[in-house]
PDB file of N, CA and C in Angstrom:
ATOM      1  N   MET A   1      12.053  33.890   2.890  1.00  0.00           N
ATOM      2  CA  MET A   1      13.318  33.079   3.260  1.00  0.00           C
ATOM      3  C   MET A   1      14.392  33.484   2.514  1.00  0.00           C
ATOM      4  N   ASN A   2      15.553  33.552   3.145  1.00  0.00           N
ATOM      5  CA  ASN A   2      16.727  33.951   2.339  1.00  0.00           C
ATOM      6  C   ASN A   2      17.179  32.870   1.355  1.00  0.00           C
ATOM      7  N   LYS A   3      17.435  33.414   0.024  1.00  0.00           N
ATOM      8  CA  LYS A   3      17.858  32.333  -0.960  1.00  0.00           C
ATOM      9  C   LYS A   3      19.058  31.401  -0.646  1.00  0.00           C
ATOM     10  N   ASP A   4      20.114  32.012   0.006  1.00  0.00           N
ATOM     11  CA  ASP A   4      21.249  31.226   0.397  1.00  0.00           C
ATOM     12  C   ASP A   4      20.790  30.103   1.448  1.00  0.00           C
ATOM     13  N   PHE A   5      20.116  30.526   2.305  1.00  0.00           N
ATOM     14  CA  PHE A   5      19.512  29.599   3.322  1.00  0.00           C
ATOM     15  C   PHE A   5      18.745  28.380   2.784  1.00  0.00           C
ATOM     16  N   THR A   6      17.909  28.748   1.811  1.00  0.00           N
ATOM     17  CA  THR A   6      16.987  27.717   1.135  1.00  0.00           C
ATOM     18  C   THR A   6      17.930  26.834   0.361  1.00  0.00           C
ATOM     19  N   ILE A   7      18.984  27.197  -0.383  1.00  0.00           N
ATOM     20  CA  ILE A   7      19.874  26.445  -1.100  1.00  0.00           C
ATOM     21  C   ILE A   7      20.726  25.621  -0.090  1.00  0.00           C
ATOM     22  N   PHE A   8      21.039  26.127   1.019  1.00  0.00           N
ATOM     23  CA  PHE A   8      21.887  25.354   2.029  1.00  0.00           C
ATOM     24  C   PHE A   8      21.129  24.285   2.527  1.00  0.00           C
ATOM     25  N   GLN A   9      19.884  24.395   2.876  1.00  0.00           N
ATOM     26  CA  GLN A   9      18.960  23.287   3.298  1.00  0.00           C
ATOM     27  C   GLN A   9      18.676  22.253   2.438  1.00  0.00           C
ATOM     28  N   LYS A  10      18.448  22.639   1.193  1.00  0.00           N
ATOM     29  CA  LYS A  10      18.279  21.643  -0.041  1.00  0.00           C
ATOM     30  C   LYS A  10      19.465  20.863  -0.316  1.00  0.00           C
ATOM     31  N   GLU A  11      20.682  21.490  -0.184  1.00  0.00           N
ATOM     32  CA  GLU A  11      21.863  20.750  -0.522  1.00  0.00           C
ATOM     33  C   GLU A  11      22.174  19.779   0.666  1.00  0.00           C
ATOM     34  N   PHE A  12      21.969  20.306   1.907  1.00  0.00           N
ATOM     35  CA  PHE A  12      22.289  19.540   3.023  1.00  0.00           C
ATOM     36  C   PHE A  12      21.436  18.192   2.867  1.00  0.00           C
ATOM     37  N   LYS A  13      20.102  18.384   2.746  1.00  0.00           N
ATOM     38  CA  LYS A  13      19.086  17.292   2.657  1.00  0.00           C
ATOM     39  C   LYS A  13      19.558  16.282   1.564  1.00  0.00           C
ATOM     40  N   LYS A  14      19.985  16.791   0.486  1.00  0.00           N
ATOM     41  CA  LYS A  14      20.580  15.864  -0.767  1.00  0.00           C
ATOM     42  C   LYS A  14      21.686  15.019  -0.192  1.00  0.00           C
ATOM     43  N   TYR A  15      22.710  15.626   0.564  1.00  0.00           N
ATOM     44  CA  TYR A  15      23.770  14.880   1.061  1.00  0.00           C
ATOM     45  C   TYR A  15      23.413  13.989   2.275  1.00  0.00           C
ATOM     46  N   GLN A  16      22.363  14.414   2.984  1.00  0.00           N
ATOM     47  CA  GLN A  16      21.969  13.478   4.075  1.00  0.00           C
ATOM     48  C   GLN A  16      21.431  12.179   3.480  1.00  0.00           C
ATOM     49  N   ARG A  17      20.639  12.469   2.393  1.00  0.00           N
ATOM     50  CA  ARG A  17      20.107  11.083   1.865  1.00  0.00           C
ATOM     51  C   ARG A  17      21.177  10.298   1.115  1.00  0.00           C
ATOM     52  N   LEU A  18      22.119  10.925   0.441  1.00  0.00           N
ATOM     53  CA  LEU A  18      23.134  10.270  -0.294  1.00  0.00           C
ATOM     54  C   LEU A  18      23.981   9.484   0.587  1.00  0.00           C
ATOM     55  N   PHE A  19      24.285   9.915   1.906  1.00  0.00           N
ATOM     56  CA  PHE A  19      25.209   9.418   2.800  1.00  0.00           C
ATOM     57  C   PHE A  19      24.456   8.386   3.696  1.00  0.00           C
ATOM     58  N   GLY A  20      23.187   8.221   3.545  1.00  0.00           N
ATOM     59  CA  GLY A  20      22.559   7.176   4.300  1.00  0.00           C
ATOM     60  C   GLY A  20      22.152   7.714   5.611  1.00  0.00           C
ATOM     61  N   LEU A  21      21.914   8.933   5.888  1.00  0.00           N
ATOM     62  CA  LEU A  21      21.856   9.447   7.219  1.00  0.00           C
ATOM     63  C   LEU A  21      20.323   9.888   7.631  1.00  0.00           C
ATOM     64  N   ALA A  22      19.392   9.200   6.908  1.00  0.00           N
ATOM     65  CA  ALA A  22      17.986   9.493   7.020  1.00  0.00           C
ATOM     66  C   ALA A  22      17.467   9.341   8.420  1.00  0.00           C
ATOM     67  N   GLY A  23      17.997   8.508   9.259  1.00  0.00           N
ATOM     68  CA  GLY A  23      17.682   8.351  10.688  1.00  0.00           C
ATOM     69  C   GLY A  23      17.708   9.635  11.559  1.00  0.00           C
ATOM     70  N   TYR A  24      18.434  10.599  11.015  1.00  0.00           N
ATOM     71  CA  TYR A  24      18.648  11.937  11.971  1.00  0.00           C
ATOM     72  C   TYR A  24      17.518  12.779  11.512  1.00  0.00           C
ATOM     73  N   ARG A  25      16.932  13.343  12.591  1.00  0.00           N
ATOM     74  CA  ARG A  25      15.978  14.457  12.506  1.00  0.00           C
ATOM     75  C   ARG A  25      16.823  15.706  12.420  1.00  0.00           C
ATOM     76  N   VAL A  26      16.702  16.544  11.393  1.00  0.00           N
ATOM     77  CA  VAL A  26      17.543  17.676  11.217  1.00  0.00           C
ATOM     78  C   VAL A  26      16.673  18.912  11.220  1.00  0.00           C
ATOM     79  N   TYR A  27      17.241  19.929  12.083  1.00  0.00           N
ATOM     80  CA  TYR A  27      16.723  21.285  12.188  1.00  0.00           C
ATOM     81  C   TYR A  27      17.694  22.191  11.579  1.00  0.00           C
ATOM     82  N   PHE A  28      17.114  23.212  10.976  1.00  0.00           N
ATOM     83  CA  PHE A  28      18.145  24.259  10.400  1.00  0.00           C
ATOM     84  C   PHE A  28      17.863  25.632  10.973  1.00  0.00           C
ATOM     85  N   LYS A  29      18.914  26.275  11.241  1.00  0.00           N
ATOM     86  CA  LYS A  29      18.865  27.695  11.890  1.00  0.00           C
ATOM     87  C   LYS A  29      19.748  28.588  11.017  1.00  0.00           C
ATOM     88  N   HIS A  30      19.343  29.790  10.831  1.00  0.00           N
ATOM     89  CA  HIS A  30      20.169  30.803  10.126  1.00  0.00           C
ATOM     90  C   HIS A  30      20.310  31.971  11.151  1.00  0.00           C
ATOM     91  N   GLU A  31      21.651  31.987  11.690  1.00  0.00           N
ATOM     92  CA  GLU A  31      21.976  32.757  12.817  1.00  0.00           C
ATOM     93  C   GLU A  31      23.293  33.185  12.713  1.00  0.00           C
ATOM     94  N   LYS A  32      23.773  34.316  13.485  1.00  0.00           N
ATOM     95  CA  LYS A  32      25.102  34.758  13.515  1.00  0.00           C
ATOM     96  C   LYS A  32      26.050  33.748  14.148  1.00  0.00           C
ATOM     97  N   LEU A  33      27.154  33.318  13.502  1.00  0.00           N
ATOM     98  CA  LEU A  33      28.189  32.576  14.080  1.00  0.00           C
ATOM     99  C   LEU A  33      29.447  33.286  14.006  1.00  0.00           C
ATOM    100  N   ASP A  34      30.265  33.076  14.926  1.00  0.00           N
ATOM    101  CA  ASP A  34      31.591  33.701  15.166  1.00  0.00           C
ATOM    102  C   ASP A  34      32.629  32.860  14.255  1.00  0.00           C
ATOM    103  N   GLU A  35      33.249  33.483  13.261  1.00  0.00           N
ATOM    104  CA  GLU A  35      34.524  32.941  12.649  1.00  0.00           C
ATOM    105  C   GLU A  35      34.205  31.708  11.919  1.00  0.00           C
ATOM    106  N   LYS A  36      32.823  31.450  11.592  1.00  0.00           N
ATOM    107  CA  LYS A  36      32.451  30.201  10.806  1.00  0.00           C
ATOM    108  C   LYS A  36      31.552  30.557   9.694  1.00  0.00           C
ATOM    109  N   PHE A  37      31.406  29.701   8.668  1.00  0.00           N
ATOM    110  CA  PHE A  37      30.446  29.755   7.582  1.00  0.00           C
ATOM    111  C   PHE A  37      29.206  28.987   8.001  1.00  0.00           C
ATOM    112  N   ALA A  38      29.483  27.874   8.652  1.00  0.00           N
ATOM    113  CA  ALA A  38      28.271  27.139   9.036  1.00  0.00           C
ATOM    114  C   ALA A  38      28.795  26.105  10.213  1.00  0.00           C
ATOM    115  N   GLU A  39      28.012  25.567  10.889  1.00  0.00           N
ATOM    116  CA  GLU A  39      28.302  24.424  11.852  1.00  0.00           C
ATOM    117  C   GLU A  39      27.213  23.486  11.953  1.00  0.00           C
ATOM    118  N   ILE A  40      27.609  22.394  12.597  1.00  0.00           N
ATOM    119  CA  ILE A  40      26.428  21.302  12.908  1.00  0.00           C
ATOM    120  C   ILE A  40      26.656  20.889  14.407  1.00  0.00           C
ATOM    121  N   ARG A  41      25.434  20.810  15.126  1.00  0.00           N
ATOM    122  CA  ARG A  41      25.365  20.398  16.450  1.00  0.00           C
ATOM    123  C   ARG A  41      24.684  19.049  16.453  1.00  0.00           C
ATOM    124  N   ILE A  42      25.325  17.954  16.910  1.00  0.00           N
ATOM    125  CA  ILE A  42      24.812  16.622  16.804  1.00  0.00           C
ATOM    126  C   ILE A  42      24.485  16.005  18.265  1.00  0.00           C
ATOM    127  N   ASN A  43      23.207  15.415  18.416  1.00  0.00           N
ATOM    128  CA  ASN A  43      22.904  14.734  19.488  1.00  0.00           C
ATOM    129  C   ASN A  43      22.754  13.243  18.942  1.00  0.00           C
ATOM    130  N   HIS A  44      23.657  12.495  19.078  1.00  0.00           N
ATOM    131  CA  HIS A  44      23.724  11.053  18.581  1.00  0.00           C
ATOM    132  C   HIS A  44      22.603  10.130  19.262  1.00  0.00           C
ATOM    133  N   GLY A  45      22.601  10.255  20.494  1.00  0.00           N
ATOM    134  CA  GLY A  45      21.598   9.516  21.250  1.00  0.00           C
ATOM    135  C   GLY A  45      20.220   9.715  20.770  1.00  0.00           C
ATOM    136  N   GLY A  46      19.955  10.959  20.589  1.00  0.00           N
ATOM    137  CA  GLY A  46      18.423  11.349  20.055  1.00  0.00           C
ATOM    138  C   GLY A  46      18.335  11.247  18.694  1.00  0.00           C
ATOM    139  N   LEU A  47      19.384  11.122  17.880  1.00  0.00           N
ATOM    140  CA  LEU A  47      19.522  11.185  16.396  1.00  0.00           C
ATOM    141  C   LEU A  47      18.964  12.461  15.889  1.00  0.00           C
ATOM    142  N   VAL A  48      19.390  13.538  16.502  1.00  0.00           N
ATOM    143  CA  VAL A  48      18.958  14.989  16.194  1.00  0.00           C
ATOM    144  C   VAL A  48      20.211  15.790  15.753  1.00  0.00           C
ATOM    145  N   ALA A  49      20.030  16.451  14.623  1.00  0.00           N
ATOM    146  CA  ALA A  49      21.102  17.388  14.253  1.00  0.00           C
ATOM    147  C   ALA A  49      20.502  18.957  14.072  1.00  0.00           C
ATOM    148  N   THR A  50      21.261  19.784  14.617  1.00  0.00           N
ATOM    149  CA  THR A  50      20.879  21.146  14.209  1.00  0.00           C
ATOM    150  C   THR A  50      22.047  21.776  13.283  1.00  0.00           C
ATOM    151  N   VAL A  51      21.709  22.221  12.142  1.00  0.00           N
ATOM    152  CA  VAL A  51      22.633  22.675  11.174  1.00  0.00           C
ATOM    153  C   VAL A  51      22.472  24.260  11.068  1.00  0.00           C
ATOM    154  N   VAL A  52      23.503  24.994  11.255  1.00  0.00           N
ATOM    155  CA  VAL A  52      23.383  26.449  11.372  1.00  0.00           C
ATOM    156  C   VAL A  52      24.087  27.156  10.196  1.00  0.00           C
ATOM    157  N   LEU A  53      23.645  28.060   9.396  1.00  0.00           N
ATOM    158  CA  LEU A  53      24.210  28.819   8.418  1.00  0.00           C
ATOM    159  C   LEU A  53      24.418  30.132   9.157  1.00  0.00           C
ATOM    160  N   ASN A  54      25.702  30.676   8.856  1.00  0.00           N
ATOM    161  CA  ASN A  54      26.042  31.982   9.302  1.00  0.00           C
ATOM    162  C   ASN A  54      25.227  33.125   8.478  1.00  0.00           C
ATOM    163  N   LYS A  55      24.403  33.938   9.101  1.00  0.00           N
ATOM    164  CA  LYS A  55      23.781  34.993   8.462  1.00  0.00           C
ATOM    165  C   LYS A  55      24.423  36.263   8.450  1.00  0.00           C
ATOM    166  N   GLU A  56      25.660  36.465   9.132  1.00  0.00           N
ATOM    167  CA  GLU A  56      26.376  37.651   9.086  1.00  0.00           C
ATOM    168  C   GLU A  56      27.869  37.429   8.848  1.00  0.00           C
ATOM    169  N   LEU A  57      28.257  37.083   7.600  1.00  0.00           N
ATOM    170  CA  LEU A  57      29.559  37.025   7.373  1.00  0.00           C
ATOM    171  C   LEU A  57      30.392  38.295   7.455  1.00  0.00           C
ATOM    172  N   SER A  58      31.551  38.163   7.788  1.00  0.00           N
ATOM    173  CA  SER A  58      32.416  39.367   7.804  1.00  0.00           C
ATOM    174  C   SER A  58      32.733  39.778   6.393  1.00  0.00           C
ATOM    175  N   GLU A  59      32.943  41.017   6.151  1.00  0.00           N
ATOM    176  CA  GLU A  59      33.414  41.523   4.778  1.00  0.00           C
ATOM    177  C   GLU A  59      34.361  40.608   4.089  1.00  0.00           C
ATOM    178  N   LYS A  60      35.441  40.284   4.860  1.00  0.00           N
ATOM    179  CA  LYS A  60      36.591  39.545   4.282  1.00  0.00           C
ATOM    180  C   LYS A  60      36.142  38.037   3.844  1.00  0.00           C
ATOM    181  N   ASP A  61      34.998  37.493   4.478  1.00  0.00           N
ATOM    182  CA  ASP A  61      34.649  36.323   4.069  1.00  0.00           C
ATOM    183  C   ASP A  61      33.538  36.103   3.166  1.00  0.00           C
ATOM    184  N   VAL A  62      32.907  37.183   2.717  1.00  0.00           N
ATOM    185  CA  VAL A  62      31.827  37.269   1.780  1.00  0.00           C
ATOM    186  C   VAL A  62      32.302  36.711   0.490  1.00  0.00           C
ATOM    187  N   ALA A  63      33.460  36.945   0.092  1.00  0.00           N
ATOM    188  CA  ALA A  63      34.043  36.538  -1.389  1.00  0.00           C
ATOM    189  C   ALA A  63      34.278  35.154  -1.323  1.00  0.00           C
ATOM    190  N   PHE A  64      34.238  34.383  -0.173  1.00  0.00           N
ATOM    191  CA  PHE A  64      34.518  32.972  -0.066  1.00  0.00           C
ATOM    192  C   PHE A  64      33.304  32.168   0.156  1.00  0.00           C
ATOM    193  N   LYS A  65      32.190  32.888   0.218  1.00  0.00           N
ATOM    194  CA  LYS A  65      30.992  32.133   0.519  1.00  0.00           C
ATOM    195  C   LYS A  65      30.602  31.195  -0.623  1.00  0.00           C
ATOM    196  N   ASP A  66      30.206  29.992  -0.145  1.00  0.00           N
ATOM    197  CA  ASP A  66      29.847  28.923  -1.030  1.00  0.00           C
ATOM    198  C   ASP A  66      28.877  27.938  -0.182  1.00  0.00           C
ATOM    199  N   VAL A  67      27.474  28.362  -0.248  1.00  0.00           N
ATOM    200  CA  VAL A  67      26.591  27.749   0.594  1.00  0.00           C
ATOM    201  C   VAL A  67      26.448  26.033   0.198  1.00  0.00           C
ATOM    202  N   ARG A  68      26.604  25.823  -1.057  1.00  0.00           N
ATOM    203  CA  ARG A  68      26.497  24.394  -1.453  1.00  0.00           C
ATOM    204  C   ARG A  68      27.608  23.618  -0.753  1.00  0.00           C
ATOM    205  N   ALA A  69      28.875  24.135  -0.797  1.00  0.00           N
ATOM    206  CA  ALA A  69      29.958  23.431  -0.365  1.00  0.00           C
ATOM    207  C   ALA A  69      29.909  23.415   1.115  1.00  0.00           C
ATOM    208  N   ASP A  70      29.403  24.471   1.749  1.00  0.00           N
ATOM    209  CA  ASP A  70      29.266  24.432   3.243  1.00  0.00           C
ATOM    210  C   ASP A  70      28.188  23.410   3.703  1.00  0.00           C
ATOM    211  N   ALA A  71      27.206  23.144   2.967  1.00  0.00           N
ATOM    212  CA  ALA A  71      26.152  22.267   3.183  1.00  0.00           C
ATOM    213  C   ALA A  71      26.733  20.860   3.096  1.00  0.00           C
ATOM    214  N   LYS A  72      27.555  20.606   2.062  1.00  0.00           N
ATOM    215  CA  LYS A  72      28.162  19.332   1.964  1.00  0.00           C
ATOM    216  C   LYS A  72      29.144  19.019   3.101  1.00  0.00           C
ATOM    217  N   HIS A  73      29.970  20.045   3.534  1.00  0.00           N
ATOM    218  CA  HIS A  73      30.894  20.037   4.519  1.00  0.00           C
ATOM    219  C   HIS A  73      30.103  19.620   5.916  1.00  0.00           C
ATOM    220  N   GLU A  74      29.045  20.285   6.148  1.00  0.00           N
ATOM    221  CA  GLU A  74      28.448  19.893   7.414  1.00  0.00           C
ATOM    222  C   GLU A  74      27.679  18.530   7.293  1.00  0.00           C
ATOM    223  N   ALA A  75      27.216  18.126   6.142  1.00  0.00           N
ATOM    224  CA  ALA A  75      26.629  16.656   6.091  1.00  0.00           C
ATOM    225  C   ALA A  75      27.772  15.550   6.234  1.00  0.00           C
ATOM    226  N   LEU A  76      28.971  16.051   5.815  1.00  0.00           N
ATOM    227  CA  LEU A  76      30.171  15.147   6.008  1.00  0.00           C
ATOM    228  C   LEU A  76      30.405  15.033   7.504  1.00  0.00           C
ATOM    229  N   HIS A  77      30.313  16.088   8.222  1.00  0.00           N
ATOM    230  CA  HIS A  77      30.543  16.009   9.729  1.00  0.00           C
ATOM    231  C   HIS A  77      29.512  15.158  10.365  1.00  0.00           C
ATOM    232  N   LEU A  78      28.175  15.257   9.847  1.00  0.00           N
ATOM    233  CA  LEU A  78      27.174  14.363  10.318  1.00  0.00           C
ATOM    234  C   LEU A  78      27.488  12.873  10.080  1.00  0.00           C
ATOM    235  N   LEU A  79      28.061  12.646   8.822  1.00  0.00           N
ATOM    236  CA  LEU A  79      28.557  11.213   8.476  1.00  0.00           C
ATOM    237  C   LEU A  79      29.686  10.722   9.402  1.00  0.00           C
ATOM    238  N   ILE A  80      30.496  11.543   9.705  1.00  0.00           N
ATOM    239  CA  ILE A  80      31.750  11.033  10.576  1.00  0.00           C
ATOM    240  C   ILE A  80      31.389  11.367  12.123  1.00  0.00           C
ATOM    241  N   GLY A  81      30.258  11.909  12.476  1.00  0.00           N
ATOM    242  CA  GLY A  81      29.974  12.323  13.793  1.00  0.00           C
ATOM    243  C   GLY A  81      29.995  11.329  14.824  1.00  0.00           C
ATOM    244  N   ARG A  82      29.534  10.147  14.720  1.00  0.00           N
ATOM    245  CA  ARG A  82      29.401   9.091  15.498  1.00  0.00           C
ATOM    246  C   ARG A  82      30.813   8.610  15.897  1.00  0.00           C
ATOM    247  N   LEU A  83      31.602   8.519  14.751  1.00  0.00           N
ATOM    248  CA  LEU A  83      32.990   7.964  15.091  1.00  0.00           C
ATOM    249  C   LEU A  83      33.816   9.076  15.843  1.00  0.00           C
ATOM    250  N   CYS A  84      33.641  10.350  15.409  1.00  0.00           N
ATOM    251  CA  CYS A  84      34.333  11.527  16.314  1.00  0.00           C
ATOM    252  C   CYS A  84      33.776  11.480  17.710  1.00  0.00           C
ATOM    253  N   GLY A  85      32.538  11.298  17.909  1.00  0.00           N
ATOM    254  CA  GLY A  85      32.067  11.300  19.228  1.00  0.00           C
ATOM    255  C   GLY A  85      32.566  10.294  20.029  1.00  0.00           C
ATOM    256  N   ASN A  86      32.565   9.040  19.468  1.00  0.00           N
ATOM    257  CA  ASN A  86      33.104   7.930  20.300  1.00  0.00           C
ATOM    258  C   ASN A  86      34.561   8.016  20.650  1.00  0.00           C
ATOM    259  N   ALA A  87      35.296   8.630  19.611  1.00  0.00           N
ATOM    260  CA  ALA A  87      36.867   8.837  19.874  1.00  0.00           C
ATOM    261  C   ALA A  87      37.063   9.893  20.986  1.00  0.00           C
ATOM    262  N   LYS A  88      36.141  10.800  21.014  1.00  0.00           N
ATOM    263  CA  LYS A  88      36.353  12.040  22.061  1.00  0.00           C
ATOM    264  C   LYS A  88      35.845  11.563  23.336  1.00  0.00           C
ATOM    265  N   TYR A  89      34.941  10.470  23.393  1.00  0.00           N
ATOM    266  CA  TYR A  89      34.406  10.217  24.700  1.00  0.00           C
ATOM    267  C   TYR A  89      35.537   9.427  25.549  1.00  0.00           C
ATOM    268  N   ARG A  90      35.559   9.862  26.786  1.00  0.00           N
ATOM    269  CA  ARG A  90      36.662   9.425  27.699  1.00  0.00           C
ATOM    270  C   ARG A  90      36.631   7.850  27.917  1.00  0.00           C
ATOM    271  N   HIS A  91      35.437   7.404  27.913  1.00  0.00           N
ATOM    272  CA  HIS A  91      35.290   5.970  28.331  1.00  0.00           C
ATOM    273  C   HIS A  91      34.893   5.130  27.058  1.00  0.00           C
ATOM    274  N   ALA A  92      35.059   5.621  25.927  1.00  0.00           N
ATOM    275  CA  ALA A  92      34.682   4.762  24.788  1.00  0.00           C
ATOM    276  C   ALA A  92      35.582   3.588  24.613  1.00  0.00           C
ATOM    277  N   THR A  93      34.861   2.320  24.430  1.00  0.00           N
ATOM    278  CA  THR A  93      35.577   1.170  24.278  1.00  0.00           C
ATOM    279  C   THR A  93      36.229   0.911  22.868  1.00  0.00           C
ATOM    280  N   LEU A  94      37.164   0.151  22.656  1.00  0.00           N
ATOM    281  CA  LEU A  94      37.654  -0.270  21.416  1.00  0.00           C
ATOM    282  C   LEU A  94      36.515  -0.752  20.467  1.00  0.00           C
ATOM    283  N   CYS A  95      35.590  -1.529  21.090  1.00  0.00           N
ATOM    284  CA  CYS A  95      34.507  -2.094  20.424  1.00  0.00           C
ATOM    285  C   CYS A  95      33.582  -1.051  19.835  1.00  0.00           C
ATOM    286  N   GLU A  96      33.226   0.171  20.615  1.00  0.00           N
ATOM    287  CA  GLU A  96      32.441   1.087  20.215  1.00  0.00           C
ATOM    288  C   GLU A  96      33.101   1.911  19.026  1.00  0.00           C
ATOM    289  N   ILE A  97      34.380   2.157  19.108  1.00  0.00           N
ATOM    290  CA  ILE A  97      35.138   2.818  18.022  1.00  0.00           C
ATOM    291  C   ILE A  97      35.063   2.026  16.851  1.00  0.00           C
ATOM    292  N   ASP A  98      35.445   0.706  16.968  1.00  0.00           N
ATOM    293  CA  ASP A  98      35.310  -0.213  15.897  1.00  0.00           C
ATOM    294  C   ASP A  98      33.886  -0.384  15.072  1.00  0.00           C
ATOM    295  N   GLU A  99      32.961  -0.404  15.979  1.00  0.00           N
ATOM    296  CA  GLU A  99      31.687  -0.396  15.254  1.00  0.00           C
ATOM    297  C   GLU A  99      31.310   0.948  14.445  1.00  0.00           C
ATOM    298  N   ALA A 100      31.685   2.045  15.158  1.00  0.00           N
ATOM    299  CA  ALA A 100      31.488   3.383  14.354  1.00  0.00           C
ATOM    300  C   ALA A 100      32.374   3.330  13.061  1.00  0.00           C
ATOM    301  N   ALA A 101      33.480   2.942  13.124  1.00  0.00           N
ATOM    302  CA  ALA A 101      34.295   2.880  11.914  1.00  0.00           C
ATOM    303  C   ALA A 101      33.802   1.910  10.939  1.00  0.00           C
ATOM    304  N   GLU A 102      33.260   0.707  11.344  1.00  0.00           N
ATOM    305  CA  GLU A 102      32.626  -0.142  10.432  1.00  0.00           C
ATOM    306  C   GLU A 102      31.555   0.335   9.704  1.00  0.00           C
ATOM    307  N   GLU A 103      30.590   1.097  10.593  1.00  0.00           N
ATOM    308  CA  GLU A 103      29.387   1.801  10.036  1.00  0.00           C
ATOM    309  C   GLU A 103      29.861   2.756   8.849  1.00  0.00           C
ATOM    310  N   LEU A 104      30.814   3.633   9.191  1.00  0.00           N
ATOM    311  CA  LEU A 104      31.251   4.499   8.246  1.00  0.00           C
ATOM    312  C   LEU A 104      31.772   3.904   6.913  1.00  0.00           C
ATOM    313  N   VAL A 105      32.489   2.775   7.016  1.00  0.00           N
ATOM    314  CA  VAL A 105      33.041   2.078   5.897  1.00  0.00           C
ATOM    315  C   VAL A 105      31.982   1.437   4.976  1.00  0.00           C
ATOM    316  N   ILE A 106      30.973   0.980   5.607  1.00  0.00           N
ATOM    317  CA  ILE A 106      29.930   0.456   4.878  1.00  0.00           C
ATOM    318  C   ILE A 106      29.070   1.574   4.119  1.00  0.00           C
ATOM    319  N   LYS A 107      28.992   2.609   4.788  1.00  0.00           N
ATOM    320  CA  LYS A 107      28.243   3.776   4.070  1.00  0.00           C
ATOM    321  C   LYS A 107      29.194   4.318   2.917  1.00  0.00           C
ATOM    322  N   LEU A 108      30.561   4.333   3.125  1.00  0.00           N
ATOM    323  CA  LEU A 108      31.390   4.785   1.989  1.00  0.00           C
ATOM    324  C   LEU A 108      31.373   3.718   0.865  1.00  0.00           C
ATOM    325  N   GLU A 109      31.427   2.467   1.258  1.00  0.00           N
ATOM    326  CA  GLU A 109      31.330   1.399   0.135  1.00  0.00           C
ATOM    327  C   GLU A 109      29.952   1.718  -0.842  1.00  0.00           C
ATOM    328  N   GLU A 110      29.011   2.101  -0.168  1.00  0.00           N
ATOM    329  CA  GLU A 110      27.862   2.389  -1.030  1.00  0.00           C
ATOM    330  C   GLU A 110      28.031   3.581  -1.795  1.00  0.00           C
ATOM    331  N   LEU A 111      28.776   4.483  -1.300  1.00  0.00           N
ATOM    332  CA  LEU A 111      29.008   5.885  -2.022  1.00  0.00           C
ATOM    333  C   LEU A 111      30.100   5.826  -3.108  1.00  0.00           C
ATOM    334  N   ILE A 112      31.003   5.024  -2.860  1.00  0.00           N
ATOM    335  CA  ILE A 112      32.091   4.872  -3.788  1.00  0.00           C
ATOM    336  C   ILE A 112      31.988   3.539  -4.575  1.00  0.00           C
ATOM    337  N   LYS A 113      31.450   3.708  -5.866  1.00  0.00           N
ATOM    338  CA  LYS A 113      31.172   2.707  -6.700  1.00  0.00           C
ATOM    339  C   LYS A 113      32.351   2.309  -7.666  1.00  0.00           C
ATOM    340  N   GLU A 114      32.447   1.088  -7.997  1.00  0.00           N
ATOM    341  CA  GLU A 114      33.488   0.660  -9.085  1.00  0.00           C
ATOM    342  C   GLU A 114      32.989   1.190 -10.381  1.00  0.00           C
ATOM    343  N   LYS A 115      34.032   1.558 -11.299  1.00  0.00           N
ATOM    344  CA  LYS A 115      33.622   2.087 -12.571  1.00  0.00           C
ATOM    345  C   LYS A 115      33.932   1.107 -13.518  1.00  0.00           C
TER     346      LYS A 115
END
């Protein structure tokens, strides 16, 4: 297995645990993506996420490759995914958006500790 892909998976799983997103079943793919370092596809109803790392970066992008940062970035998308999904849904109620926002705030309270 590709070293970068292994690191990417490990880092994503670390942030998945840290962000309290253990309820999601996560699958990883290493495939060509157009114009992206990585991406996440989320099925909130099924609590499934597919996280993809680009395996064919353009020459201009290779210098900016950071699989650890990319994994964290995609995990953050999973963290805010429900809120974004509700906001984009045409018939989302204010209550659904408020619930998703509250869920995010509670997770962030756990992540951001007083010093």
